[in-house]
Amino acid sequence: MKVLISDKLGEIGIETFQNEAGFEVDVNTGLSPDALKEIIGGYDALVIRSATKVTADLLDAAKNLKVVGRAGIGLDNVDIPAATKKGVVVMNTPMGNVVTTAEHSISMMMALTRNIPQGTSSLKAGRWDKKKLQGREVFKKTLGVIGFGKIGAVVADRARGLKMNAIVYDPLIPKEVIEGEGFESVSLEDLYKRSDYITVHVPKIKETTGLLNKESFDQMKDGVMIINCARGGIVDENDLDDAINSGKVAGAALDVFVTEPPGDSPLLKQDRVICTPHLGASTQEAQYNVAIAVAEQIIEYLKNGNPVNAVNAP
């Protein structure tokens, strides 16, 4: 079985393939779409992260491809319907970076609240902006968590540890499940009205693209803070920029953007926006976990036909 790794993967994942009898692995990162299309026909499996785009055009050229494995959670760079039509199993590794991404969301919230990036840059520039950079406490504040999946549930739990009041909106998870974990299940409108902070933890699909937009911001408290460590585009960037300019939104912490890198996005010019270059899953532990998980899942599928964590197969 031939495996192509087209995005950067932890060494443990490569070694897992190399140590498996009957498997041949090639690491070829940074390929252009045309270059990838030229060689994909010779592989049974493709391992990706977020850079490689698995399009319908690429899948047409992947004559022998049986499985695409994503070392991570998000699959918005994979045309899943096209893969399904071709009989290609698409799988992700949903547990490998859960804690890492949740911790990053909490870190971003705290850094935004206490002006840590602004304080660092101003101090290094020779200024002492102590009065200008006064922050606030998160103690007893309300955090609205949109999406109570694996990551959202951990974020809510960590917020509870900070003595915040975490309220949750998730239309796919029964109210009893959310309340069984000790959180209040609310409507989206109620979450907007009550939250001092709002963090999103949903996949980027048609229904969630632009979920936080002008209409949403208009329903929120004045001075709300927004955290997005999920996917770019769930928060409408232009509407967020307008909401910050108007004072409705007091600040935003963004790890993801519609276009990455975001180029000359106006949000990068906002003093009240702090941002990181999609670091949500970037820890040593997470990279180890997802690398070994994706390798083991692909091996299990190709050897035994068991599609672990497949999104388009039973």
C-alpha atoms as a PDB file:
ATOM      1  CA  MET A   1       0.000   0.000   0.000  1.00  0.00           C
ATOM      2  CA  LYS A   2       1.360   3.395  -0.979  1.00  0.00           C
ATOM      3  CA  VAL A   3       0.747   6.396   1.267  1.00  0.00           C
ATOM      4  CA  LEU A   4       1.394  10.032   0.362  1.00  0.00           C
ATOM      5  CA  ILE A   5       1.835  12.611   3.117  1.00  0.00           C
ATOM      6  CA  SER A   6       1.282  15.984   1.447  1.00  0.00           C
ATOM      7  CA  ASP A   7       1.300  18.237   4.527  1.00  0.00           C
ATOM      8  CA  LYS A   8       3.671  18.438   7.476  1.00  0.00           C
ATOM      9  CA  LEU A   9       3.120  15.514   9.852  1.00  0.00           C
ATOM     10  CA  GLY A  10       4.724  14.591  13.150  1.00  0.00           C
ATOM     11  CA  GLU A  11       7.605  12.144  12.751  1.00  0.00           C
ATOM     12  CA  ILE A  12       5.797   9.517  14.829  1.00  0.00           C
ATOM     13  CA  GLY A  13       3.150   9.259  12.118  1.00  0.00           C
ATOM     14  CA  ILE A  14       5.713   8.716   9.388  1.00  0.00           C
ATOM     15  CA  GLU A  15       7.487   6.108  11.488  1.00  0.00           C
ATOM     16  CA  THR A  16       4.210   4.290  12.131  1.00  0.00           C
ATOM     17  CA  PHE A  17       3.711   3.814   8.398  1.00  0.00           C
ATOM     18  CA  GLN A  18       7.355   2.856   7.852  1.00  0.00           C
ATOM     19  CA  ASN A  19       7.184   0.208  10.562  1.00  0.00           C
ATOM     20  CA  GLU A  20       4.066  -1.433   9.128  1.00  0.00           C
ATOM     21  CA  ALA A  21       4.713  -4.372   6.805  1.00  0.00           C
ATOM     22  CA  GLY A  22       3.341  -3.873   3.314  1.00  0.00           C
ATOM     23  CA  PHE A  23       3.236  -0.077   3.504  1.00  0.00           C
ATOM     24  CA  GLU A  24       5.341   2.392   1.532  1.00  0.00           C
ATOM     25  CA  VAL A  25       5.202   6.041   2.535  1.00  0.00           C
ATOM     26  CA  ASP A  26       6.298   9.170   0.658  1.00  0.00           C
ATOM     27  CA  VAL A  27       6.501  12.611   2.249  1.00  0.00           C
ATOM     28  CA  ASN A  28       6.060  15.325  -0.368  1.00  0.00           C
ATOM     29  CA  THR A  29       4.847  18.603   1.096  1.00  0.00           C
ATOM     30  CA  GLY A  30       4.222  21.977  -0.480  1.00  0.00           C
ATOM     31  CA  LEU A  31       3.064  20.580  -3.804  1.00  0.00           C
ATOM     32  CA  SER A  32       1.054  22.792  -6.117  1.00  0.00           C
ATOM     33  CA  PRO A  33      -2.425  21.495  -6.999  1.00  0.00           C
ATOM     34  CA  ASP A  34      -1.224  20.517 -10.477  1.00  0.00           C
ATOM     35  CA  ALA A  35       1.856  18.735  -9.140  1.00  0.00           C
ATOM     36  CA  LEU A  36      -0.231  16.812  -6.624  1.00  0.00           C
ATOM     37  CA  LYS A  37      -2.710  15.886  -9.329  1.00  0.00           C
ATOM     38  CA  GLU A  38       0.101  14.450 -11.461  1.00  0.00           C
ATOM     39  CA  ILE A  39       1.248  11.971  -8.833  1.00  0.00           C
ATOM     40  CA  ILE A  40      -1.883  11.185  -6.798  1.00  0.00           C
ATOM     41  CA  GLY A  41      -2.919   8.341  -9.100  1.00  0.00           C
ATOM     42  CA  GLY A  42      -0.176   6.135  -7.696  1.00  0.00           C
ATOM     43  CA  TYR A  43      -1.333   6.211  -4.060  1.00  0.00           C
ATOM     44  CA  ASP A  44      -3.815   4.254  -1.974  1.00  0.00           C
ATOM     45  CA  ALA A  45      -3.944   6.774   0.867  1.00  0.00           C
ATOM     46  CA  LEU A  46      -3.446  10.514   1.275  1.00  0.00           C
ATOM     47  CA  VAL A  47      -2.547  12.138   4.599  1.00  0.00           C
ATOM     48  CA  ILE A  48      -3.291  15.857   4.885  1.00  0.00           C
ATOM     49  CA  ARG A  49      -3.667  18.694   7.340  1.00  0.00           C
ATOM     50  CA  SER A  50      -5.184  22.050   6.362  1.00  0.00           C
ATOM     51  CA  ALA A  51      -2.967  23.080   3.442  1.00  0.00           C
ATOM     52  CA  THR A  52      -3.827  20.403   0.876  1.00  0.00           C
ATOM     53  CA  LYS A  53      -7.127  20.934  -0.935  1.00  0.00           C
ATOM     54  CA  VAL A  54      -8.804  17.654  -1.825  1.00  0.00           C
ATOM     55  CA  THR A  55     -11.030  18.826  -4.650  1.00  0.00           C
ATOM     56  CA  ALA A  56     -13.292  16.942  -7.041  1.00  0.00           C
ATOM     57  CA  ASP A  57     -10.686  17.549  -9.736  1.00  0.00           C
ATOM     58  CA  LEU A  58      -7.951  15.948  -7.620  1.00  0.00           C
ATOM     59  CA  LEU A  59     -10.192  13.002  -6.764  1.00  0.00           C
ATOM     60  CA  ASP A  60     -10.853  12.393 -10.469  1.00  0.00           C
ATOM     61  CA  ALA A  61      -7.119  11.885 -10.915  1.00  0.00           C
ATOM     62  CA  ALA A  62      -6.797   9.678  -7.817  1.00  0.00           C
ATOM     63  CA  LYS A  63      -7.581   6.393  -9.549  1.00  0.00           C
ATOM     64  CA  ASN A  64      -6.269   4.153  -6.764  1.00  0.00           C
ATOM     65  CA  LEU A  65      -7.116   6.331  -3.771  1.00  0.00           C
ATOM     66  CA  LYS A  66      -9.058   4.549  -1.048  1.00  0.00           C
ATOM     67  CA  VAL A  67      -8.772   6.861   1.951  1.00  0.00           C
ATOM     68  CA  VAL A  68      -7.989  10.461   2.885  1.00  0.00           C
ATOM     69  CA  GLY A  69      -6.842  10.980   6.471  1.00  0.00           C
ATOM     70  CA  ARG A  70      -6.836  14.396   8.108  1.00  0.00           C
ATOM     71  CA  ALA A  71      -4.392  14.844  10.982  1.00  0.00           C
ATOM     72  CA  GLY A  72      -6.779  17.079  12.881  1.00  0.00           C
ATOM     73  CA  ILE A  73     -10.491  17.797  13.051  1.00  0.00           C
ATOM     74  CA  GLY A  74     -11.473  20.274  10.317  1.00  0.00           C
ATOM     75  CA  LEU A  75     -12.390  18.933   6.887  1.00  0.00           C
ATOM     76  CA  ASP A  76     -13.479  22.093   5.102  1.00  0.00           C
ATOM     77  CA  ASN A  77     -10.551  21.573   2.688  1.00  0.00           C
ATOM     78  CA  VAL A  78     -11.979  18.241   1.521  1.00  0.00           C
ATOM     79  CA  ASP A  79     -14.839  17.828  -0.968  1.00  0.00           C
ATOM     80  CA  ILE A  80     -16.552  15.095   1.028  1.00  0.00           C
ATOM     81  CA  PRO A  81     -19.498  14.539  -1.386  1.00  0.00           C
ATOM     82  CA  ALA A  82     -17.060  14.104  -4.278  1.00  0.00           C
ATOM     83  CA  ALA A  83     -14.968  11.674  -2.229  1.00  0.00           C
ATOM     84  CA  THR A  84     -18.074   9.692  -1.345  1.00  0.00           C
ATOM     85  CA  LYS A  85     -19.066   9.411  -5.001  1.00  0.00           C
ATOM     86  CA  LYS A  86     -15.599   8.063  -5.757  1.00  0.00           C
ATOM     87  CA  GLY A  87     -15.799   5.545  -2.907  1.00  0.00           C
ATOM     88  CA  VAL A  88     -12.986   7.280  -1.010  1.00  0.00           C
ATOM     89  CA  VAL A  89     -13.283   7.171   2.753  1.00  0.00           C
ATOM     90  CA  VAL A  90     -12.567  10.478   4.499  1.00  0.00           C
ATOM     91  CA  MET A  91     -11.497  10.339   8.146  1.00  0.00           C
ATOM     92  CA  ASN A  92     -10.252  12.800  10.727  1.00  0.00           C
ATOM     93  CA  THR A  93      -8.689  12.542  14.185  1.00  0.00           C
ATOM     94  CA  PRO A  94     -11.192  14.314  16.424  1.00  0.00           C
ATOM     95  CA  MET A  95      -9.597  13.555  19.789  1.00  0.00           C
ATOM     96  CA  GLY A  96      -5.957  14.413  19.120  1.00  0.00           C
ATOM     97  CA  ASN A  97      -6.104  18.182  19.542  1.00  0.00           C
ATOM     98  CA  VAL A  98      -9.216  18.702  21.662  1.00  0.00           C
ATOM     99  CA  VAL A  99      -7.497  19.863  24.859  1.00  0.00           C
ATOM    100  CA  THR A 100      -4.924  21.902  22.947  1.00  0.00           C
ATOM    101  CA  THR A 101      -7.528  23.878  20.997  1.00  0.00           C
ATOM    102  CA  ALA A 102      -9.730  24.376  24.047  1.00  0.00           C
ATOM    103  CA  GLU A 103      -6.767  25.670  26.060  1.00  0.00           C
ATOM    104  CA  HIS A 104      -5.874  28.070  23.248  1.00  0.00           C
ATOM    105  CA  SER A 105      -9.418  29.465  23.286  1.00  0.00           C
ATOM    106  CA  ILE A 106      -9.198  30.125  27.012  1.00  0.00           C
ATOM    107  CA  SER A 107      -5.715  31.612  26.610  1.00  0.00           C
ATOM    108  CA  MET A 108      -6.959  33.959  23.897  1.00  0.00           C
ATOM    109  CA  MET A 109      -9.887  35.044  26.068  1.00  0.00           C
ATOM    110  CA  MET A 110      -7.592  35.842  28.978  1.00  0.00           C
ATOM    111  CA  ALA A 111      -5.027  37.641  26.821  1.00  0.00           C
ATOM    112  CA  LEU A 112      -7.789  39.740  25.257  1.00  0.00           C
ATOM    113  CA  THR A 113      -9.340  40.550  28.626  1.00  0.00           C
ATOM    114  CA  ARG A 114      -6.068  41.712  30.197  1.00  0.00           C
ATOM    115  CA  ASN A 115      -4.524  43.353  27.094  1.00  0.00           C
ATOM    116  CA  ILE A 116      -1.455  41.141  27.296  1.00  0.00           C
ATOM    117  CA  PRO A 117      -0.344  41.435  23.631  1.00  0.00           C
ATOM    118  CA  GLN A 118      -0.848  45.203  23.652  1.00  0.00           C
ATOM    119  CA  GLY A 119       1.005  45.529  26.947  1.00  0.00           C
ATOM    120  CA  THR A 120       3.925  43.513  25.649  1.00  0.00           C
ATOM    121  CA  SER A 121       4.281  45.481  22.413  1.00  0.00           C
ATOM    122  CA  SER A 122       3.896  48.897  24.058  1.00  0.00           C
ATOM    123  CA  LEU A 123       6.407  48.098  26.797  1.00  0.00           C
ATOM    124  CA  LYS A 124       8.932  46.842  24.248  1.00  0.00           C
ATOM    125  CA  ALA A 125       8.368  50.076  22.322  1.00  0.00           C
ATOM    126  CA  GLY A 126       9.434  52.041  25.399  1.00  0.00           C
ATOM    127  CA  ARG A 127       6.005  53.069  26.677  1.00  0.00           C
ATOM    128  CA  TRP A 128       4.378  52.508  30.069  1.00  0.00           C
ATOM    129  CA  ASP A 129       0.667  52.362  29.145  1.00  0.00           C
ATOM    130  CA  LYS A 130      -0.571  51.144  32.513  1.00  0.00           C
ATOM    131  CA  LYS A 131      -3.714  53.301  32.666  1.00  0.00           C
ATOM    132  CA  LYS A 132      -4.542  52.907  28.988  1.00  0.00           C
ATOM    133  CA  LEU A 133      -4.477  49.122  29.154  1.00  0.00           C
ATOM    134  CA  GLN A 134      -6.746  48.564  32.117  1.00  0.00           C
ATOM    135  CA  GLY A 135      -8.554  45.229  31.701  1.00  0.00           C
ATOM    136  CA  ARG A 136     -11.402  43.411  33.392  1.00  0.00           C
ATOM    137  CA  GLU A 137     -11.972  40.214  35.376  1.00  0.00           C
ATOM    138  CA  VAL A 138     -13.560  37.068  33.952  1.00  0.00           C
ATOM    139  CA  PHE A 139     -14.747  36.091  37.444  1.00  0.00           C
ATOM    140  CA  LYS A 140     -18.560  35.727  37.450  1.00  0.00           C
ATOM    141  CA  LYS A 141     -18.789  36.818  33.811  1.00  0.00           C
ATOM    142  CA  THR A 142     -20.982  34.864  31.391  1.00  0.00           C
ATOM    143  CA  LEU A 143     -19.302  32.890  28.607  1.00  0.00           C
ATOM    144  CA  GLY A 144     -21.558  31.848  25.743  1.00  0.00           C
ATOM    145  CA  VAL A 145     -20.298  28.625  24.162  1.00  0.00           C
ATOM    146  CA  ILE A 146     -21.670  27.960  20.689  1.00  0.00           C
ATOM    147  CA  GLY A 147     -21.167  24.265  19.993  1.00  0.00           C
ATOM    148  CA  PHE A 148     -20.910  21.640  22.719  1.00  0.00           C
ATOM    149  CA  GLY A 149     -18.848  19.087  20.847  1.00  0.00           C
ATOM    150  CA  LYS A 150     -15.534  17.763  22.066  1.00  0.00           C
ATOM    151  CA  ILE A 151     -13.749  21.127  22.122  1.00  0.00           C
ATOM    152  CA  GLY A 152     -16.696  23.259  23.218  1.00  0.00           C
ATOM    153  CA  ALA A 153     -17.350  20.953  26.165  1.00  0.00           C
ATOM    154  CA  VAL A 154     -13.753  21.293  27.363  1.00  0.00           C
ATOM    155  CA  VAL A 155     -13.878  25.088  26.985  1.00  0.00           C
ATOM    156  CA  ALA A 156     -17.049  25.244  29.075  1.00  0.00           C
ATOM    157  CA  ASP A 157     -15.430  23.063  31.733  1.00  0.00           C
ATOM    158  CA  ARG A 158     -12.295  25.214  31.861  1.00  0.00           C
ATOM    159  CA  ALA A 159     -14.439  28.352  32.115  1.00  0.00           C
ATOM    160  CA  ARG A 160     -16.263  26.813  35.045  1.00  0.00           C
ATOM    161  CA  GLY A 161     -12.882  26.387  36.706  1.00  0.00           C
ATOM    162  CA  LEU A 162     -12.367  30.134  36.313  1.00  0.00           C
ATOM    163  CA  LYS A 163     -15.666  30.687  38.159  1.00  0.00           C
ATOM    164  CA  MET A 164     -17.378  31.922  35.002  1.00  0.00           C
ATOM    165  CA  ASN A 165     -21.005  31.216  34.183  1.00  0.00           C
ATOM    166  CA  ALA A 166     -20.887  29.111  31.021  1.00  0.00           C
ATOM    167  CA  ILE A 167     -24.094  28.878  28.989  1.00  0.00           C
ATOM    168  CA  VAL A 168     -24.347  26.639  25.933  1.00  0.00           C
ATOM    169  CA  TYR A 169     -26.121  26.625  22.576  1.00  0.00           C
ATOM    170  CA  ASP A 170     -26.028  23.502  20.449  1.00  0.00           C
ATOM    171  CA  PRO A 171     -29.101  22.484  18.413  1.00  0.00           C
ATOM    172  CA  LEU A 172     -27.732  18.983  17.819  1.00  0.00           C
ATOM    173  CA  ILE A 173     -27.144  17.975  21.417  1.00  0.00           C
ATOM    174  CA  PRO A 174     -30.129  17.285  23.680  1.00  0.00           C
ATOM    175  CA  LYS A 175     -30.748  19.760  26.473  1.00  0.00           C
ATOM    176  CA  GLU A 176     -30.557  16.897  28.960  1.00  0.00           C
ATOM    177  CA  VAL A 177     -26.997  16.067  27.906  1.00  0.00           C
ATOM    178  CA  ILE A 178     -25.805  19.664  28.332  1.00  0.00           C
ATOM    179  CA  GLU A 179     -27.560  20.038  31.662  1.00  0.00           C
ATOM    180  CA  GLY A 180     -26.212  16.656  32.732  1.00  0.00           C
ATOM    181  CA  GLU A 181     -22.739  18.127  32.405  1.00  0.00           C
ATOM    182  CA  GLY A 182     -23.753  20.972  34.694  1.00  0.00           C
ATOM    183  CA  PHE A 183     -24.337  23.734  32.132  1.00  0.00           C
ATOM    184  CA  GLU A 184     -27.393  25.737  31.142  1.00  0.00           C
ATOM    185  CA  SER A 185     -28.735  25.013  27.659  1.00  0.00           C
ATOM    186  CA  VAL A 186     -30.044  28.180  26.001  1.00  0.00           C
ATOM    187  CA  SER A 187     -31.323  29.422  22.668  1.00  0.00           C
ATOM    188  CA  LEU A 188     -28.945  31.263  20.368  1.00  0.00           C
ATOM    189  CA  GLU A 189     -30.856  34.491  20.897  1.00  0.00           C
ATOM    190  CA  ASP A 190     -30.642  34.115  24.683  1.00  0.00           C
ATOM    191  CA  LEU A 191     -26.923  33.409  24.452  1.00  0.00           C
ATOM    192  CA  TYR A 192     -26.391  36.593  22.450  1.00  0.00           C
ATOM    193  CA  LYS A 193     -28.324  38.709  24.959  1.00  0.00           C
ATOM    194  CA  ARG A 194     -26.662  37.372  28.110  1.00  0.00           C
ATOM    195  CA  SER A 195     -23.033  36.705  27.207  1.00  0.00           C
ATOM    196  CA  ASP A 196     -20.081  38.889  28.158  1.00  0.00           C
ATOM    197  CA  TYR A 197     -17.892  36.637  26.001  1.00  0.00           C
ATOM    198  CA  ILE A 198     -18.870  34.435  23.066  1.00  0.00           C
ATOM    199  CA  THR A 199     -16.707  31.606  21.752  1.00  0.00           C
ATOM    200  CA  VAL A 200     -17.550  29.443  18.726  1.00  0.00           C
ATOM    201  CA  HIS A 201     -16.784  25.730  18.458  1.00  0.00           C
ATOM    202  CA  VAL A 202     -18.683  24.470  15.438  1.00  0.00           C
ATOM    203  CA  PRO A 203     -17.515  23.130  12.072  1.00  0.00           C
ATOM    204  CA  LYS A 204     -17.612  25.443   9.089  1.00  0.00           C
ATOM    205  CA  ILE A 205     -20.522  24.259   6.982  1.00  0.00           C
ATOM    206  CA  LYS A 206     -23.201  26.057   4.991  1.00  0.00           C
ATOM    207  CA  GLU A 207     -25.348  26.575   8.083  1.00  0.00           C
ATOM    208  CA  THR A 208     -22.544  28.068  10.195  1.00  0.00           C
ATOM    209  CA  THR A 209     -20.788  30.250   7.633  1.00  0.00           C
ATOM    210  CA  GLY A 210     -21.352  33.835   8.722  1.00  0.00           C
ATOM    211  CA  LEU A 211     -23.162  32.639  11.850  1.00  0.00           C
ATOM    212  CA  LEU A 212     -21.923  35.656  13.793  1.00  0.00           C
ATOM    213  CA  ASN A 213     -22.896  38.585  11.601  1.00  0.00           C
ATOM    214  CA  LYS A 214     -24.427  42.058  11.853  1.00  0.00           C
ATOM    215  CA  GLU A 215     -27.793  40.675  12.920  1.00  0.00           C
ATOM    216  CA  SER A 216     -26.075  38.605  15.609  1.00  0.00           C
ATOM    217  CA  PHE A 217     -23.952  41.488  16.903  1.00  0.00           C
ATOM    218  CA  ASP A 218     -27.010  43.740  17.114  1.00  0.00           C
ATOM    219  CA  GLN A 219     -28.541  41.289  19.615  1.00  0.00           C
ATOM    220  CA  MET A 220     -25.471  41.164  21.858  1.00  0.00           C
ATOM    221  CA  LYS A 221     -24.542  43.153  24.935  1.00  0.00           C
ATOM    222  CA  ASP A 222     -22.560  46.336  24.411  1.00  0.00           C
ATOM    223  CA  GLY A 223     -18.929  45.519  25.147  1.00  0.00           C
ATOM    224  CA  VAL A 224     -19.128  41.810  24.314  1.00  0.00           C
ATOM    225  CA  MET A 225     -15.893  40.043  23.415  1.00  0.00           C
ATOM    226  CA  ILE A 226     -15.650  37.445  20.631  1.00  0.00           C
ATOM    227  CA  ILE A 227     -13.299  34.445  20.461  1.00  0.00           C
ATOM    228  CA  ASN A 228     -12.940  32.322  17.330  1.00  0.00           C
ATOM    229  CA  CYS A 229     -10.502  29.422  17.348  1.00  0.00           C
ATOM    230  CA  ALA A 230     -12.722  27.214  15.182  1.00  0.00           C
ATOM    231  CA  ARG A 231     -12.727  28.147  11.490  1.00  0.00           C
ATOM    232  CA  GLY A 232     -12.424  31.383   9.574  1.00  0.00           C
ATOM    233  CA  GLY A 233     -15.723  32.543   8.123  1.00  0.00           C
ATOM    234  CA  ILE A 234     -17.939  31.426  10.995  1.00  0.00           C
ATOM    235  CA  VAL A 235     -17.598  35.011  12.179  1.00  0.00           C
ATOM    236  CA  ASP A 236     -18.282  37.470   9.360  1.00  0.00           C
ATOM    237  CA  GLU A 237     -15.062  39.487   9.297  1.00  0.00           C
ATOM    238  CA  ASN A 238     -16.511  42.649   7.747  1.00  0.00           C
ATOM    239  CA  ASP A 239     -19.427  42.727  10.159  1.00  0.00           C
ATOM    240  CA  LEU A 240     -17.059  42.113  13.081  1.00  0.00           C
ATOM    241  CA  ASP A 241     -14.891  45.028  11.942  1.00  0.00           C
ATOM    242  CA  ASP A 242     -17.975  47.278  11.826  1.00  0.00           C
ATOM    243  CA  ALA A 243     -19.133  46.083  15.258  1.00  0.00           C
ATOM    244  CA  ILE A 244     -15.740  46.914  16.772  1.00  0.00           C
ATOM    245  CA  ASN A 245     -15.723  50.336  15.137  1.00  0.00           C
ATOM    246  CA  SER A 246     -19.197  51.067  16.521  1.00  0.00           C
ATOM    247  CA  GLY A 247     -18.221  49.972  20.025  1.00  0.00           C
ATOM    248  CA  LYS A 248     -20.748  47.141  20.166  1.00  0.00           C
ATOM    249  CA  VAL A 249     -17.894  44.616  20.334  1.00  0.00           C
ATOM    250  CA  ALA A 250     -15.166  45.570  22.795  1.00  0.00           C
ATOM    251  CA  GLY A 251     -12.604  43.197  21.343  1.00  0.00           C
ATOM    252  CA  ALA A 252     -11.978  39.974  19.501  1.00  0.00           C
ATOM    253  CA  ALA A 253      -9.444  37.156  19.721  1.00  0.00           C
ATOM    254  CA  LEU A 254      -8.999  35.354  16.412  1.00  0.00           C
ATOM    255  CA  ASP A 255      -6.922  32.301  15.606  1.00  0.00           C
ATOM    256  CA  VAL A 256      -8.547  31.694  12.214  1.00  0.00           C
ATOM    257  CA  PHE A 257      -9.444  33.755   9.158  1.00  0.00           C
ATOM    258  CA  VAL A 258     -11.379  33.357   5.914  1.00  0.00           C
ATOM    259  CA  THR A 259      -8.099  33.625   4.009  1.00  0.00           C
ATOM    260  CA  GLU A 260      -4.957  32.317   5.651  1.00  0.00           C
ATOM    261  CA  PRO A 261      -2.648  34.175   5.852  1.00  0.00           C
ATOM    262  CA  PRO A 262      -5.189  37.025   6.092  1.00  0.00           C
ATOM    263  CA  GLY A 263      -3.136  39.576   4.134  1.00  0.00           C
ATOM    264  CA  ASP A 264      -4.303  43.156   4.659  1.00  0.00           C
ATOM    265  CA  SER A 265      -7.474  42.291   6.554  1.00  0.00           C
ATOM    266  CA  PRO A 266      -8.832  45.413   8.307  1.00  0.00           C
ATOM    267  CA  LEU A 267      -9.135  43.375  11.486  1.00  0.00           C
ATOM    268  CA  LEU A 268      -5.355  43.297  11.746  1.00  0.00           C
ATOM    269  CA  LYS A 269      -5.386  47.078  12.026  1.00  0.00           C
ATOM    270  CA  GLN A 270      -7.758  47.037  14.991  1.00  0.00           C
ATOM    271  CA  ASP A 271      -6.137  47.759  18.362  1.00  0.00           C
ATOM    272  CA  ARG A 272      -8.869  45.712  20.031  1.00  0.00           C
ATOM    273  CA  VAL A 273      -8.195  42.575  17.994  1.00  0.00           C
ATOM    274  CA  ILE A 274      -5.564  40.082  19.079  1.00  0.00           C
ATOM    275  CA  CYS A 275      -4.693  37.255  16.759  1.00  0.00           C
ATOM    276  CA  THR A 276      -2.557  34.171  16.238  1.00  0.00           C
ATOM    277  CA  PRO A 277      -1.668  32.299  13.008  1.00  0.00           C
ATOM    278  CA  HIS A 278      -3.977  29.278  13.426  1.00  0.00           C
ATOM    279  CA  LEU A 279      -2.159  27.957  16.474  1.00  0.00           C
ATOM    280  CA  GLY A 280      -5.136  26.182  18.027  1.00  0.00           C
ATOM    281  CA  ALA A 281      -3.724  22.703  17.430  1.00  0.00           C
ATOM    282  CA  SER A 282      -0.056  23.687  17.508  1.00  0.00           C
ATOM    283  CA  THR A 283       1.396  22.002  20.546  1.00  0.00           C
ATOM    284  CA  GLN A 284       3.877  19.171  20.735  1.00  0.00           C
ATOM    285  CA  GLU A 285       1.314  16.956  22.398  1.00  0.00           C
ATOM    286  CA  ALA A 286      -1.393  17.571  19.812  1.00  0.00           C
ATOM    287  CA  GLN A 287       0.908  17.055  16.844  1.00  0.00           C
ATOM    288  CA  TYR A 288       2.087  13.765  18.303  1.00  0.00           C
ATOM    289  CA  ASN A 289      -1.472  12.636  19.001  1.00  0.00           C
ATOM    290  CA  VAL A 290      -2.944  13.432  15.586  1.00  0.00           C
ATOM    291  CA  ALA A 291       0.067  12.059  13.699  1.00  0.00           C
ATOM    292  CA  ILE A 292      -0.052   8.658  15.324  1.00  0.00           C
ATOM    293  CA  ALA A 293      -3.858   8.578  15.215  1.00  0.00           C
ATOM    294  CA  VAL A 294      -4.140   9.262  11.488  1.00  0.00           C
ATOM    295  CA  ALA A 295      -1.465   6.683  10.683  1.00  0.00           C
ATOM    296  CA  GLU A 296      -3.070   3.993  12.829  1.00  0.00           C
ATOM    297  CA  GLN A 297      -6.539   4.713  11.416  1.00  0.00           C
ATOM    298  CA  ILE A 298      -5.380   4.489   7.804  1.00  0.00           C
ATOM    299  CA  ILE A 299      -3.485   1.280   8.465  1.00  0.00           C
ATOM    300  CA  GLU A 300      -6.541  -0.192  10.191  1.00  0.00           C
ATOM    301  CA  TYR A 301      -8.765   0.691   7.244  1.00  0.00           C
ATOM    302  CA  LEU A 302      -6.442  -0.521   4.497  1.00  0.00           C
ATOM    303  CA  LYS A 303      -5.605  -3.779   6.307  1.00  0.00           C
ATOM    304  CA  ASN A 304      -8.895  -4.641   7.984  1.00  0.00           C
ATOM    305  CA  GLY A 305     -11.550  -2.443   6.324  1.00  0.00           C
ATOM    306  CA  ASN A 306     -12.471  -0.730   9.599  1.00  0.00           C
ATOM    307  CA  PRO A 307     -13.146   3.002   8.910  1.00  0.00           C
ATOM    308  CA  VAL A 308     -12.312   4.588  12.284  1.00  0.00           C
ATOM    309  CA  ASN A 309     -13.552   8.202  12.584  1.00  0.00           C
ATOM    310  CA  ALA A 310     -14.784   8.181   8.983  1.00  0.00           C
ATOM    311  CA  VAL A 311     -17.176  11.016   8.184  1.00  0.00           C
ATOM    312  CA  ASN A 312     -18.652   9.421   5.073  1.00  0.00           C
ATOM    313  CA  ALA A 313     -18.800   5.708   5.930  1.00  0.00           C
ATOM    314  CA  PRO A 314     -20.613   3.682   8.576  1.00  0.00           C
END
